[in-house]
N, C-alpha and C. Protein backbone atom coordinates (compact mmCIF):
# COMPACT_ATOMS: atom_id res chain seq x y z
N UNK A 1 0.84 -1.20 0.00
CA UNK A 1 0.00 0.00 0.00
C UNK A 1 0.86 1.23 0.00
N UNK A 2 2.03 1.17 0.72
CA UNK A 2 2.92 2.32 0.74
C UNK A 2 3.43 2.62 -0.64
N UNK A 3 3.72 1.57 -1.47
CA UNK A 3 4.21 1.82 -2.81
C UNK A 3 3.16 2.47 -3.66
N UNK A 4 1.91 2.16 -3.40
CA UNK A 4 0.82 2.77 -4.19
C UNK A 4 0.77 4.26 -3.93
N UNK A 5 0.92 4.73 -2.58
CA UNK A 5 0.91 6.15 -2.26
C UNK A 5 2.06 6.85 -2.95
N UNK A 6 3.25 6.25 -2.93
CA UNK A 6 4.42 6.88 -3.55
C UNK A 6 4.21 7.00 -5.03
N UNK A 7 3.59 5.97 -5.64
CA UNK A 7 3.35 6.04 -7.07
C UNK A 7 2.35 7.13 -7.41
N UNK A 8 1.29 7.21 -6.58
CA UNK A 8 0.29 8.25 -6.82
C UNK A 8 0.89 9.64 -6.62
N UNK A 9 1.76 9.81 -5.58
CA UNK A 9 2.39 11.11 -5.34
C UNK A 9 3.29 11.47 -6.49
N UNK A 10 4.06 10.45 -7.00
CA UNK A 10 4.95 10.73 -8.12
C UNK A 10 4.18 11.09 -9.36
N UNK A 11 3.05 10.35 -9.57
CA UNK A 11 2.26 10.64 -10.77
C UNK A 11 1.62 12.02 -10.66
N UNK A 12 1.25 12.39 -9.42
CA UNK A 12 0.66 13.73 -9.25
C UNK A 12 1.68 14.80 -9.57
N UNK A 13 2.96 14.62 -9.15
CA UNK A 13 3.99 15.61 -9.45
C UNK A 13 4.24 15.69 -10.94
N UNK A 14 4.18 14.54 -11.62
CA UNK A 14 4.43 14.56 -13.05
C UNK A 14 3.28 15.23 -13.79
N UNK A 15 2.03 15.10 -13.23
CA UNK A 15 0.88 15.70 -13.90
C UNK A 15 0.85 17.22 -13.78
N UNK A 16 1.62 17.82 -12.82
CA UNK A 16 1.62 19.27 -12.65
C UNK A 16 2.35 19.95 -13.80
N UNK A 17 1.95 21.14 -14.05
CA UNK A 17 2.64 21.94 -15.08
C UNK A 17 3.93 22.48 -14.51
N UNK A 18 4.88 22.88 -15.37
CA UNK A 18 6.16 23.43 -14.86
C UNK A 18 5.93 24.62 -13.96
N UNK A 19 4.93 25.45 -14.27
CA UNK A 19 4.68 26.64 -13.44
C UNK A 19 4.21 26.25 -12.05
N UNK A 20 3.32 25.22 -11.97
CA UNK A 20 2.84 24.77 -10.66
C UNK A 20 3.96 24.15 -9.86
N UNK A 21 4.89 23.42 -10.56
CA UNK A 21 6.00 22.82 -9.83
C UNK A 21 6.92 23.89 -9.27
N UNK A 22 7.14 25.00 -10.02
CA UNK A 22 8.02 26.08 -9.52
C UNK A 22 7.36 26.76 -8.31
N UNK A 23 6.02 26.98 -8.38
CA UNK A 23 5.33 27.65 -7.28
C UNK A 23 5.37 26.82 -6.00
N UNK A 24 5.33 25.46 -6.17
CA UNK A 24 5.33 24.61 -4.98
C UNK A 24 6.68 24.57 -4.31
N UNK A 25 7.75 24.91 -5.07
CA UNK A 25 9.10 24.89 -4.49
C UNK A 25 9.43 26.21 -3.77
N UNK A 26 8.66 27.30 -4.00
CA UNK A 26 8.93 28.59 -3.35
C UNK A 26 8.33 28.55 -1.95
N UNK A 27 9.16 28.78 -0.93
CA UNK A 27 8.62 28.75 0.44
C UNK A 27 7.61 29.89 0.65
N UNK A 28 6.58 29.61 1.38
CA UNK A 28 5.55 30.64 1.60
C UNK A 28 6.02 31.62 2.68
N UNK A 29 5.84 32.93 2.38
CA UNK A 29 6.23 33.99 3.33
C UNK A 29 4.96 34.62 3.87
N UNK A 30 4.82 34.71 5.18
CA UNK A 30 3.58 35.30 5.73
C UNK A 30 3.47 36.78 5.35
N UNK A 31 2.29 37.18 4.94
CA UNK A 31 2.07 38.58 4.56
C UNK A 31 1.95 39.46 5.81
N UNK A 32 2.49 40.66 5.72
CA UNK A 32 2.35 41.55 6.89
C UNK A 32 0.89 41.95 7.06
N UNK A 33 0.49 42.02 8.32
CA UNK A 33 -0.88 42.40 8.60
C UNK A 33 -1.03 43.91 8.47
N UNK A 34 -2.02 44.34 7.75
CA UNK A 34 -2.26 45.77 7.56
C UNK A 34 -3.22 46.26 8.64
N UNK A 35 -2.90 47.44 9.19
CA UNK A 35 -3.74 48.01 10.25
C UNK A 35 -4.79 48.91 9.62
N UNK A 36 -5.95 48.88 10.19
CA UNK A 36 -7.04 49.71 9.67
C UNK A 36 -6.74 51.18 9.95
N UNK A 37 -7.13 52.04 9.03
CA UNK A 37 -6.91 53.48 9.20
C UNK A 37 -7.69 53.98 10.40
N UNK A 38 -7.06 54.83 11.20
CA UNK A 38 -7.78 55.32 12.40
C UNK A 38 -8.98 56.14 11.99
N UNK A 39 -10.02 56.03 12.78
CA UNK A 39 -11.22 56.82 12.50
C UNK A 39 -11.04 58.24 12.97
N UNK A 40 -11.97 59.13 12.58
CA UNK A 40 -11.88 60.55 12.95
C UNK A 40 -11.99 60.73 14.46
N UNK A 41 -12.72 59.80 15.10
CA UNK A 41 -12.92 59.95 16.54
C UNK A 41 -11.62 59.74 17.31
N UNK A 42 -10.63 59.03 16.68
CA UNK A 42 -9.37 58.79 17.36
C UNK A 42 -8.64 60.09 17.65
N UNK A 43 -8.81 61.11 16.78
CA UNK A 43 -8.06 62.35 16.91
C UNK A 43 -8.82 63.41 17.70
N UNK A 44 -9.95 63.08 18.24
CA UNK A 44 -10.68 64.06 19.02
C UNK A 44 -9.97 64.30 20.35
N UNK A 45 -10.08 65.57 20.84
CA UNK A 45 -9.47 65.91 22.11
C UNK A 45 -10.24 65.21 23.22
N UNK A 46 -9.55 64.78 24.27
CA UNK A 46 -10.28 64.15 25.38
C UNK A 46 -11.20 65.16 26.04
N UNK A 47 -12.35 64.72 26.41
CA UNK A 47 -13.31 65.61 27.04
C UNK A 47 -13.70 65.03 28.39
N UNK A 48 -14.15 65.93 29.25
CA UNK A 48 -14.58 65.49 30.56
C UNK A 48 -16.06 65.17 30.53
N UNK A 49 -16.46 64.24 31.33
CA UNK A 49 -17.86 63.86 31.43
C UNK A 49 -18.14 63.52 32.88
N UNK A 50 -18.77 64.45 33.64
CA UNK A 50 -19.05 64.13 35.05
C UNK A 50 -19.92 62.91 35.22
N UNK A 51 -20.83 62.65 34.25
CA UNK A 51 -21.72 61.50 34.38
C UNK A 51 -20.94 60.19 34.29
N UNK A 52 -19.94 60.17 33.41
CA UNK A 52 -19.18 58.93 33.22
C UNK A 52 -17.91 58.89 34.06
N UNK A 53 -17.63 59.96 34.78
CA UNK A 53 -16.43 59.99 35.59
C UNK A 53 -15.16 60.18 34.79
N UNK A 54 -15.27 60.75 33.57
CA UNK A 54 -14.10 60.93 32.73
C UNK A 54 -13.50 62.30 32.97
N UNK A 55 -12.20 62.40 32.96
CA UNK A 55 -11.50 63.66 33.11
C UNK A 55 -10.57 63.86 31.93
N UNK A 56 -10.36 65.10 31.49
CA UNK A 56 -9.43 65.32 30.37
C UNK A 56 -8.02 64.94 30.76
N UNK A 57 -7.31 64.36 29.81
CA UNK A 57 -5.94 63.92 30.09
C UNK A 57 -4.95 65.05 30.01
N UNK A 58 -5.32 66.17 29.37
CA UNK A 58 -4.41 67.30 29.27
C UNK A 58 -5.22 68.58 29.27
N UNK A 59 -4.66 69.67 29.86
CA UNK A 59 -5.41 70.94 29.88
C UNK A 59 -5.49 71.53 28.49
N UNK A 60 -6.50 72.35 28.23
CA UNK A 60 -6.60 72.98 26.90
C UNK A 60 -5.44 73.92 26.66
N UNK A 61 -4.99 73.98 25.42
CA UNK A 61 -3.86 74.82 25.07
C UNK A 61 -4.30 76.27 25.00
N UNK A 62 -3.49 77.23 25.53
CA UNK A 62 -3.86 78.65 25.43
C UNK A 62 -3.76 79.13 24.01
N UNK A 63 -4.54 80.15 23.69
CA UNK A 63 -4.49 80.70 22.35
C UNK A 63 -3.18 81.46 22.16
N UNK A 64 -2.82 81.65 20.89
CA UNK A 64 -1.58 82.36 20.58
C UNK A 64 -1.63 83.79 21.08
N UNK A 65 -2.80 84.42 21.01
CA UNK A 65 -2.92 85.80 21.47
C UNK A 65 -2.68 85.89 22.97
N UNK A 66 -3.18 84.88 23.72
CA UNK A 66 -3.00 84.92 25.17
C UNK A 66 -1.54 84.72 25.54
N UNK A 67 -0.81 83.96 24.76
CA UNK A 67 0.61 83.72 25.05
C UNK A 67 1.45 84.92 24.67
N UNK A 68 1.11 85.56 23.55
CA UNK A 68 1.95 86.64 23.03
C UNK A 68 1.71 87.96 23.75
N UNK A 69 0.47 88.20 24.27
CA UNK A 69 0.15 89.50 24.84
C UNK A 69 0.09 89.44 26.35
N UNK A 70 0.81 90.30 26.98
CA UNK A 70 0.75 90.47 28.42
C UNK A 70 0.45 91.93 28.71
N UNK A 71 -0.73 92.25 29.27
CA UNK A 71 -1.05 93.66 29.51
C UNK A 71 -0.09 94.26 30.51
N UNK A 72 0.31 95.51 30.30
CA UNK A 72 1.24 96.15 31.24
C UNK A 72 0.57 96.38 32.58
N UNK A 73 1.38 96.35 33.63
CA UNK A 73 0.88 96.60 34.96
C UNK A 73 0.62 98.10 35.11
N UNK A 74 -0.60 98.47 35.48
CA UNK A 74 -0.94 99.87 35.65
C UNK A 74 -0.86 100.23 37.13
N UNK A 75 -0.31 101.40 37.44
CA UNK A 75 -0.22 101.79 38.85
C UNK A 75 -1.58 102.13 39.42
N UNK A 76 -1.70 102.08 40.74
CA UNK A 76 -2.93 102.50 41.39
C UNK A 76 -3.17 103.97 41.07
N UNK A 77 -4.37 104.30 40.62
CA UNK A 77 -4.64 105.65 40.12
C UNK A 77 -4.53 106.70 41.22
N UNK A 78 -5.07 106.40 42.40
CA UNK A 78 -4.99 107.37 43.49
C UNK A 78 -3.54 107.55 43.95
N UNK A 79 -2.81 106.45 44.05
CA UNK A 79 -1.38 106.54 44.41
C UNK A 79 -0.62 107.39 43.40
N UNK A 80 -0.93 107.22 42.11
CA UNK A 80 -0.25 107.98 41.07
C UNK A 80 -0.60 109.46 41.16
N UNK A 81 -1.84 109.80 41.45
CA UNK A 81 -2.23 111.21 41.60
C UNK A 81 -1.48 111.84 42.78
N UNK A 82 -1.38 111.13 43.89
CA UNK A 82 -0.64 111.66 45.04
C UNK A 82 0.83 111.85 44.70
N UNK A 83 1.41 110.90 43.96
CA UNK A 83 2.82 111.03 43.59
C UNK A 83 3.03 112.24 42.68
N UNK A 84 2.16 112.41 41.69
CA UNK A 84 2.30 113.53 40.76
C UNK A 84 2.10 114.88 41.45
N UNK A 85 1.15 114.94 42.40
CA UNK A 85 0.91 116.20 43.11
C UNK A 85 2.09 116.54 44.01
N UNK A 86 2.68 115.52 44.63
CA UNK A 86 3.87 115.77 45.45
C UNK A 86 5.02 116.31 44.61
N UNK A 87 5.20 115.75 43.41
CA UNK A 87 6.25 116.24 42.52
C UNK A 87 5.99 117.68 42.09
N UNK A 88 4.72 118.01 41.82
CA UNK A 88 4.38 119.38 41.42
C UNK A 88 4.61 120.35 42.57
N UNK A 89 4.20 119.97 43.79
CA UNK A 89 4.41 120.83 44.95
C UNK A 89 5.89 121.08 45.20
N UNK A 90 6.69 120.05 45.07
CA UNK A 90 8.14 120.21 45.28
C UNK A 90 8.74 121.12 44.22
N UNK A 91 8.24 121.04 42.98
CA UNK A 91 8.74 121.93 41.93
C UNK A 91 8.37 123.39 42.23
N UNK A 92 7.19 123.59 42.82
CA UNK A 92 6.78 124.94 43.21
C UNK A 92 7.61 125.44 44.39
N UNK A 93 8.15 124.49 45.18
CA UNK A 93 8.95 124.87 46.34
C UNK A 93 8.28 124.56 47.66
N UNK A 94 7.28 123.69 47.63
CA UNK A 94 6.54 123.33 48.85
C UNK A 94 6.80 121.87 49.17
N UNK A 95 7.31 121.62 50.37
CA UNK A 95 7.57 120.26 50.81
C UNK A 95 6.54 119.90 51.89
N UNK A 96 5.75 118.89 51.60
CA UNK A 96 4.67 118.49 52.51
C UNK A 96 4.94 117.09 53.07
N UNK A 97 4.54 116.84 54.31
CA UNK A 97 3.87 117.75 55.24
C UNK A 97 4.84 118.74 55.88
N UNK A 98 4.36 119.91 56.29
CA UNK A 98 5.23 120.89 56.94
C UNK A 98 5.74 120.34 58.28
N UNK A 99 6.88 120.84 58.72
CA UNK A 99 7.48 120.26 59.94
C UNK A 99 6.81 120.70 61.24
N UNK A 100 6.10 121.82 61.24
CA UNK A 100 5.51 122.31 62.48
C UNK A 100 4.01 122.51 62.32
N UNK A 101 3.32 122.56 63.46
CA UNK A 101 1.87 122.79 63.45
C UNK A 101 1.56 124.18 62.90
N UNK A 102 2.44 125.15 63.20
CA UNK A 102 2.23 126.50 62.67
C UNK A 102 2.27 126.51 61.15
N UNK A 103 3.22 125.79 60.57
CA UNK A 103 3.31 125.69 59.10
C UNK A 103 2.11 124.92 58.53
N UNK A 104 1.70 123.88 59.24
CA UNK A 104 0.52 123.13 58.79
C UNK A 104 -0.71 124.02 58.74
N UNK A 105 -0.92 124.82 59.79
CA UNK A 105 -2.07 125.71 59.84
C UNK A 105 -2.02 126.72 58.69
N UNK A 106 -0.82 127.23 58.39
CA UNK A 106 -0.67 128.20 57.30
C UNK A 106 -1.06 127.58 55.96
N UNK A 107 -0.59 126.37 55.69
CA UNK A 107 -0.86 125.75 54.39
C UNK A 107 -2.30 125.23 54.30
N UNK A 108 -2.90 124.87 55.44
CA UNK A 108 -4.33 124.50 55.41
C UNK A 108 -5.15 125.70 54.97
N UNK A 109 -4.81 126.89 55.50
CA UNK A 109 -5.51 128.11 55.08
C UNK A 109 -5.25 128.41 53.60
N UNK A 110 -3.99 128.26 53.16
CA UNK A 110 -3.66 128.51 51.75
C UNK A 110 -4.51 127.63 50.83
N UNK A 111 -4.56 126.36 51.15
CA UNK A 111 -5.24 125.43 50.24
C UNK A 111 -6.77 125.57 50.32
N UNK A 112 -7.32 125.84 51.51
CA UNK A 112 -8.77 126.02 51.59
C UNK A 112 -9.20 127.30 50.88
N UNK A 113 -8.41 128.36 50.96
CA UNK A 113 -8.73 129.59 50.23
C UNK A 113 -8.63 129.36 48.72
N UNK A 114 -7.61 128.61 48.31
CA UNK A 114 -7.49 128.30 46.87
C UNK A 114 -8.69 127.48 46.41
N UNK A 115 -9.14 126.55 47.25
CA UNK A 115 -10.31 125.75 46.88
C UNK A 115 -11.58 126.59 46.83
N UNK A 116 -11.68 127.58 47.71
CA UNK A 116 -12.83 128.48 47.66
C UNK A 116 -12.87 129.22 46.33
N UNK A 117 -11.70 129.66 45.87
CA UNK A 117 -11.65 130.37 44.59
C UNK A 117 -12.00 129.44 43.44
N UNK A 118 -11.50 128.21 43.49
CA UNK A 118 -11.85 127.25 42.44
C UNK A 118 -13.34 126.92 42.47
N UNK A 119 -13.94 126.89 43.65
CA UNK A 119 -15.38 126.67 43.74
C UNK A 119 -16.15 127.82 43.11
N UNK A 120 -15.64 129.06 43.32
CA UNK A 120 -16.30 130.22 42.69
C UNK A 120 -16.20 130.13 41.17
N UNK A 121 -15.05 129.66 40.67
CA UNK A 121 -14.91 129.50 39.22
C UNK A 121 -15.81 128.38 38.70
N UNK A 122 -16.00 127.35 39.51
CA UNK A 122 -16.94 126.29 39.13
C UNK A 122 -18.36 126.83 39.06
N UNK A 123 -18.72 127.69 40.02
CA UNK A 123 -20.04 128.31 40.00
C UNK A 123 -20.22 129.13 38.73
N UNK A 124 -19.17 129.83 38.31
CA UNK A 124 -19.26 130.63 37.08
C UNK A 124 -19.44 129.78 35.83
N UNK A 125 -19.25 128.47 35.93
CA UNK A 125 -19.43 127.58 34.77
C UNK A 125 -20.90 127.28 34.51
N UNK A 126 -21.76 127.63 35.45
CA UNK A 126 -23.19 127.37 35.29
C UNK A 126 -23.94 128.71 35.31
N UNK A 127 -25.08 128.78 34.67
CA UNK A 127 -25.85 130.04 34.64
C UNK A 127 -26.55 130.30 35.97
N UNK A 128 -25.80 130.83 36.93
CA UNK A 128 -26.36 131.04 38.26
C UNK A 128 -27.09 132.38 38.39
N UNK A 129 -26.87 133.29 37.47
CA UNK A 129 -27.56 134.60 37.54
C UNK A 129 -28.97 134.44 36.97
N UNK A 130 -29.93 134.30 37.84
CA UNK A 130 -31.30 134.07 37.38
C UNK A 130 -31.92 135.28 36.68
N UNK A 131 -31.28 136.46 36.87
CA UNK A 131 -31.80 137.66 36.22
C UNK A 131 -31.18 137.92 34.84
N UNK A 132 -30.16 137.09 34.47
CA UNK A 132 -29.47 137.29 33.19
C UNK A 132 -29.86 136.19 32.21
N UNK A 133 -29.87 136.54 30.93
CA UNK A 133 -30.25 135.60 29.88
C UNK A 133 -29.07 135.15 29.02
N UNK A 134 -27.90 135.75 29.20
CA UNK A 134 -26.77 135.47 28.31
C UNK A 134 -25.94 134.26 28.75
N UNK A 135 -26.10 133.80 29.98
CA UNK A 135 -25.24 132.74 30.50
C UNK A 135 -25.63 131.38 29.92
N UNK A 136 -24.60 130.54 29.75
CA UNK A 136 -24.78 129.17 29.29
C UNK A 136 -23.95 128.23 30.15
N UNK A 137 -24.38 127.00 30.24
CA UNK A 137 -23.66 125.98 31.01
C UNK A 137 -22.39 125.57 30.27
N UNK A 138 -21.23 125.77 30.92
CA UNK A 138 -19.94 125.42 30.32
C UNK A 138 -19.42 124.15 31.00
N UNK A 139 -19.83 123.00 30.49
CA UNK A 139 -19.47 121.73 31.14
C UNK A 139 -17.98 121.45 31.05
N UNK A 140 -17.35 121.82 29.94
CA UNK A 140 -15.91 121.58 29.79
C UNK A 140 -15.12 122.32 30.87
N UNK A 141 -15.46 123.59 31.10
CA UNK A 141 -14.76 124.35 32.13
C UNK A 141 -15.09 123.84 33.53
N UNK A 142 -16.33 123.37 33.72
CA UNK A 142 -16.71 122.81 35.01
C UNK A 142 -15.84 121.61 35.35
N UNK A 143 -15.56 120.78 34.36
CA UNK A 143 -14.67 119.62 34.59
C UNK A 143 -13.26 120.07 34.97
N UNK A 144 -12.77 121.11 34.31
CA UNK A 144 -11.43 121.63 34.61
C UNK A 144 -11.37 122.13 36.06
N UNK A 145 -12.42 122.83 36.49
CA UNK A 145 -12.43 123.36 37.84
C UNK A 145 -12.49 122.24 38.88
N UNK A 146 -13.18 121.15 38.57
CA UNK A 146 -13.21 120.00 39.48
C UNK A 146 -11.80 119.42 39.65
N UNK A 147 -11.06 119.33 38.54
CA UNK A 147 -9.69 118.81 38.61
C UNK A 147 -8.79 119.78 39.38
N UNK A 148 -9.00 121.10 39.18
CA UNK A 148 -8.23 122.08 39.96
C UNK A 148 -8.51 121.92 41.45
N UNK A 149 -9.77 121.72 41.80
CA UNK A 149 -10.12 121.47 43.19
C UNK A 149 -9.40 120.24 43.73
N UNK A 150 -9.32 119.21 42.90
CA UNK A 150 -8.68 117.97 43.34
C UNK A 150 -7.20 118.18 43.59
N UNK A 151 -6.54 119.03 42.79
CA UNK A 151 -5.13 119.36 43.04
C UNK A 151 -4.95 119.89 44.46
N UNK A 152 -5.78 120.84 44.84
CA UNK A 152 -5.64 121.45 46.16
C UNK A 152 -6.12 120.52 47.26
N UNK A 153 -7.11 119.69 46.98
CA UNK A 153 -7.59 118.74 47.97
C UNK A 153 -6.52 117.70 48.31
N UNK A 154 -5.82 117.21 47.29
CA UNK A 154 -4.73 116.25 47.53
C UNK A 154 -3.60 116.93 48.30
N UNK A 155 -3.28 118.18 47.94
CA UNK A 155 -2.25 118.92 48.68
C UNK A 155 -2.65 119.12 50.13
N UNK A 156 -3.94 119.35 50.37
CA UNK A 156 -4.43 119.51 51.74
C UNK A 156 -4.26 118.22 52.53
N UNK A 157 -4.55 117.08 51.88
CA UNK A 157 -4.35 115.79 52.55
C UNK A 157 -2.87 115.56 52.85
N UNK A 158 -2.00 115.92 51.92
CA UNK A 158 -0.56 115.76 52.13
C UNK A 158 -0.06 116.70 53.22
N UNK A 159 -0.67 117.86 53.35
CA UNK A 159 -0.32 118.78 54.43
C UNK A 159 -0.55 118.14 55.79
N UNK A 160 -1.60 117.33 55.88
CA UNK A 160 -1.93 116.64 57.13
C UNK A 160 -1.22 115.29 57.25
N UNK A 161 -0.30 115.02 56.34
CA UNK A 161 0.48 113.79 56.41
C UNK A 161 -0.25 112.55 55.94
N UNK A 162 -1.32 112.72 55.17
CA UNK A 162 -2.10 111.59 54.70
C UNK A 162 -1.60 111.10 53.35
N UNK A 163 -1.43 109.79 53.24
CA UNK A 163 -1.07 109.17 51.96
C UNK A 163 -2.34 108.80 51.21
N UNK A 164 -2.16 108.29 50.01
CA UNK A 164 -3.32 107.83 49.23
C UNK A 164 -4.05 106.72 49.97
N UNK A 165 -3.30 105.82 50.58
CA UNK A 165 -3.94 104.72 51.31
C UNK A 165 -4.63 105.23 52.57
N UNK A 166 -4.05 106.24 53.23
CA UNK A 166 -4.71 106.84 54.40
C UNK A 166 -6.07 107.42 54.02
N UNK A 167 -6.10 108.14 52.89
CA UNK A 167 -7.36 108.73 52.43
C UNK A 167 -8.36 107.63 52.09
N UNK A 168 -7.89 106.58 51.45
CA UNK A 168 -8.79 105.48 51.07
C UNK A 168 -9.38 104.81 52.30
N UNK A 169 -8.53 104.50 53.29
CA UNK A 169 -9.01 103.84 54.50
C UNK A 169 -9.96 104.74 55.28
N UNK A 170 -9.64 106.03 55.37
CA UNK A 170 -10.53 106.96 56.07
C UNK A 170 -11.86 107.10 55.34
N UNK A 171 -11.81 107.07 54.02
CA UNK A 171 -13.05 107.15 53.24
C UNK A 171 -13.93 105.94 53.51
N UNK A 172 -13.34 104.75 53.56
CA UNK A 172 -14.12 103.54 53.83
C UNK A 172 -14.83 103.65 55.17
N UNK A 173 -14.12 104.11 56.19
CA UNK A 173 -14.70 104.20 57.53
C UNK A 173 -15.80 105.26 57.58
N UNK A 174 -15.54 106.44 56.99
CA UNK A 174 -16.55 107.50 57.03
C UNK A 174 -17.76 107.14 56.17
N UNK A 175 -17.54 106.42 55.08
CA UNK A 175 -18.66 105.96 54.25
C UNK A 175 -19.56 105.03 55.04
N UNK A 176 -18.94 104.15 55.85
CA UNK A 176 -19.73 103.24 56.68
C UNK A 176 -20.52 104.02 57.73
N UNK A 177 -19.91 105.08 58.30
CA UNK A 177 -20.61 105.92 59.27
C UNK A 177 -21.81 106.59 58.62
N UNK A 178 -21.63 107.10 57.40
CA UNK A 178 -22.74 107.76 56.70
C UNK A 178 -23.90 106.81 56.43
N UNK A 179 -23.57 105.56 56.10
CA UNK A 179 -24.63 104.57 55.90
C UNK A 179 -25.34 104.25 57.21
N UNK A 180 -24.58 104.19 58.31
CA UNK A 180 -25.21 103.92 59.62
C UNK A 180 -26.14 105.07 60.00
N UNK A 181 -25.73 106.29 59.68
CA UNK A 181 -26.60 107.44 59.95
C UNK A 181 -27.91 107.34 59.18
N UNK A 182 -27.83 106.90 57.93
CA UNK A 182 -29.04 106.75 57.14
C UNK A 182 -29.92 105.62 57.67
N UNK A 183 -29.27 104.55 58.13
CA UNK A 183 -30.03 103.43 58.69
C UNK A 183 -30.80 103.85 59.94
N UNK A 184 -30.21 104.71 60.76
CA UNK A 184 -30.85 105.13 62.01
C UNK A 184 -31.80 106.30 61.83
N UNK A 185 -31.86 106.86 60.61
CA UNK A 185 -32.72 108.01 60.36
C UNK A 185 -32.03 109.34 60.59
N UNK A 186 -30.84 109.30 61.19
CA UNK A 186 -30.03 110.50 61.46
C UNK A 186 -30.86 111.61 62.11
N UNK A 187 -31.54 111.23 63.17
CA UNK A 187 -32.40 112.18 63.88
C UNK A 187 -31.62 112.97 64.93
N UNK A 188 -30.41 112.51 65.25
CA UNK A 188 -29.59 113.21 66.24
C UNK A 188 -28.13 113.10 65.81
N UNK A 189 -27.39 114.16 66.07
CA UNK A 189 -25.98 114.16 65.70
C UNK A 189 -25.15 113.54 66.82
N UNK A 190 -24.31 112.60 66.41
CA UNK A 190 -23.41 111.94 67.36
C UNK A 190 -21.99 112.36 67.03
N UNK A 191 -21.43 113.23 67.87
CA UNK A 191 -20.10 113.77 67.60
C UNK A 191 -19.01 112.72 67.72
N UNK A 192 -19.33 111.61 68.38
CA UNK A 192 -18.31 110.58 68.61
C UNK A 192 -18.31 109.49 67.55
N UNK A 193 -19.24 109.53 66.59
CA UNK A 193 -19.33 108.41 65.64
C UNK A 193 -18.21 108.41 64.60
N UNK A 194 -17.43 109.50 64.56
CA UNK A 194 -16.32 109.56 63.59
C UNK A 194 -14.96 109.65 64.29
N UNK A 195 -14.93 109.44 65.59
CA UNK A 195 -13.66 109.55 66.33
C UNK A 195 -12.69 108.44 65.97
N UNK A 196 -13.19 107.32 65.46
CA UNK A 196 -12.31 106.19 65.13
C UNK A 196 -11.64 106.34 63.77
N UNK A 197 -11.98 107.37 63.02
CA UNK A 197 -11.44 107.52 61.67
C UNK A 197 -10.07 108.20 61.74
């Protein structure tokens, strides 16, 4: 029986064409496995989902504008006004605060009188003469007079040794007192309600 198998195998080889015999002699090489192209969802950014307990794997990238632009640090406006007024006073020849109470009293009078004059000029910006018809409201000049008043008001604060922060803190406290007065109806004056300022 073994000879019959060998004969049949030999006859089968002889029955093959030359091309089939050459193909049977070439060793088979396994083909490389091709990977499927990634889907669009593969490239999506990770998202958080509180319901599923998912958290993003990386924080969102900042925009180019946010990286390139850094706004400049601006000084405190009230601090800057106090600094500029001090420089102007020193240029005029006035160093504040004065060293003595006598000098302080003199400059308090100087600045309050100057403010009175600026207030009169502010009054002249509005038609206060009820008997005259030629007057008109000059809002531009009224704004200038307010700024002039502020120059002398800041100098007055500096005469008393107050800094910008001192004025701010005192304003907060007095503002709270004024609200308390409104809450109580302000039916009586309490001279001691501002002693802590």
